[in-house]
Amino acid sequence: MGRLRGFTPGVQVMATLSLAAAGCTSAERIDAPPPLARTGWVDRMPSPALSEITVPVSYDLQPALEWMESSVPKDLGNMNERMKVPDSKRLTYAFEASRGPFDVTVDGRTVTISAVVHYRAKGWYKPPLLPTLTGSCGVGSPAPRLRITITTTVNPTPEWAIRAKTRVPTLRPLTQTERDKCKVTAANVDLTDKVVKSALSALKKVGRDVDRQIMAFPLRTEAELVWNLLSQPIRLTDSLWLLIDPTAVRLASVEGHKNRLVSGVGVSAFPRIVSGPQPQPTTRPLPPLEETPTNPKLALLTQGTLTYSVTTDLLREKLRGKRLSVSGRNLEIRDIKVSGLGDGRLVIGLEVSGPADGHLYAVGTPQFDSVTSELYMPDLAFDLATSNLFVRGLAWLKHQDFQNYLRQKVRISVVNLLEDGQRVVERELNRDLAPGVHLTTTLAHGRVLRVRASPYALLVDAVVDGRSELQVTLRPAGIGPTK
């Protein structure tokens, strides 16, 4: 007798002995050969949907601030060095100023660095025919205060360079009150403007140095490192890989957060999860930087796998031991096995006993029922060889009724498969990809696109919607004074 591979031969023997012991007539033997594939198997996943992955690029300003702190003098002037006033031959003055630490604020693409300066000054005035008059401010009294401000506007170019424009540093009294004015009463002179001009003269190189430092940052090199990382397959598990497949980069916004400059970048990509050996990386070069709004969305193409051994176990729980009353006779389903035919169809192998004893084969194409989240086969039918047995001697079986019964019962729930798969994917898509690069993903809901019967397992192609963010932190190294 022909046997379905994987069935225990003793099952058929025991079934025959049981019938004989009950005094029944001998069962009609079934020896249907296994069905054959009509075509070969080609594994083609659906085309992935275009997604927009947000990439907040955080530029650490702390090294630049540290450079500013060390480069911009904290102390200016000398009370022992008198300076002349160009429009007055009789007036000289000296000052000393002490700068406090810098604070930073960011408004869009403009970075403003400021600090409070305390100073003291002394003036000498030589009137005609009279002794020299002297006076001071901040000596033995609260020191007047100035605010130094350095403002830089930064703009990236499509070629991944940085343009920077720093305004000439400004110095002005911290307030307009008498507290922050330097009036030398004995000489009847206000030295506030003179101190400001002298201090600015000492700071005139700062703006040019700031621009050189910013424009020297290797933005293109950093962007290519991240781009190449996104182009590589990312290993999730032993045989599961994430392909991000980036295609374009857009700059949507620039914002400031404390000592960080955060750029809202969007990466257009075709993300998907594939199983099997490590896939080849994508080879697109870094595209020009576009400046357009972004619309964050994730449509992640995934593939769930349901092995035939698991599928068989699920159907065994439902059908093994079931008895069908056919023409007054009871036909028992002793065992069931599911396998792939190799051409996109499933084989349902049945071992039956009773009036007919042996193996039957039905073939069908799996589909997905979105209402019940089940796999089923609306075209499930006995293959040609099995049908010929019915015609030749088993017409009493009413194989059409038997076939309809199988169509109703051969249904496999994939709810747990989808939920478990989504949890695994979400867990694996929240991780560090490289130093300074962290992937954060939140998945909302998924929808099955199609079901396919491969030679080795049932494949469930689905799209999971959600949102993904790739946090990139740039901390420039080696920033220092420009020679």
Foldseek 3Di string as FASTA:
>chain_A
DAADPPDDVVVLVVLQVVCVVVVHDGAAEDHFDDDADPDFDDDDFDFFDKFKAKEWEKEFQVVVQVQVVVPQDQKDWDQVDWDDDVVDPFKIKTKMKGWDRWFWFDDWQKIKIKTKIFMKMKMWGDDPPDDIWIFMPCVVDPTAMKMKMKMKGWDAFLVQFIFIFIDQIFIDTPDPDPSRWMQGVRVRDTCRVVVRVRSSVVCRCVRVFSRVLRRPPRRVVVVQVVVVLQQAWDDLDPFKTKRFAWDAKEWETWHDDGRIIITTMITITRIEMDGGDGDDGDDDGHGGYHYDDDDGKAWYKYKFWAFQVNLQVVLCVQAAQDWDQFLNWTKGFNGWGWFFNRYFKIKIWTAIHTSYGHIWIWIFHWWADQVQQKIFGPPIATDPSRVVVCVVPVVSRVRVVVRVVCRVRSIGHCPVRQVVVVVSVQVSQFAASDVQKTKHWDWDDKDWDTWTHHRGTIMTIMIIMTGMYIYGYDYDPPRHGDD
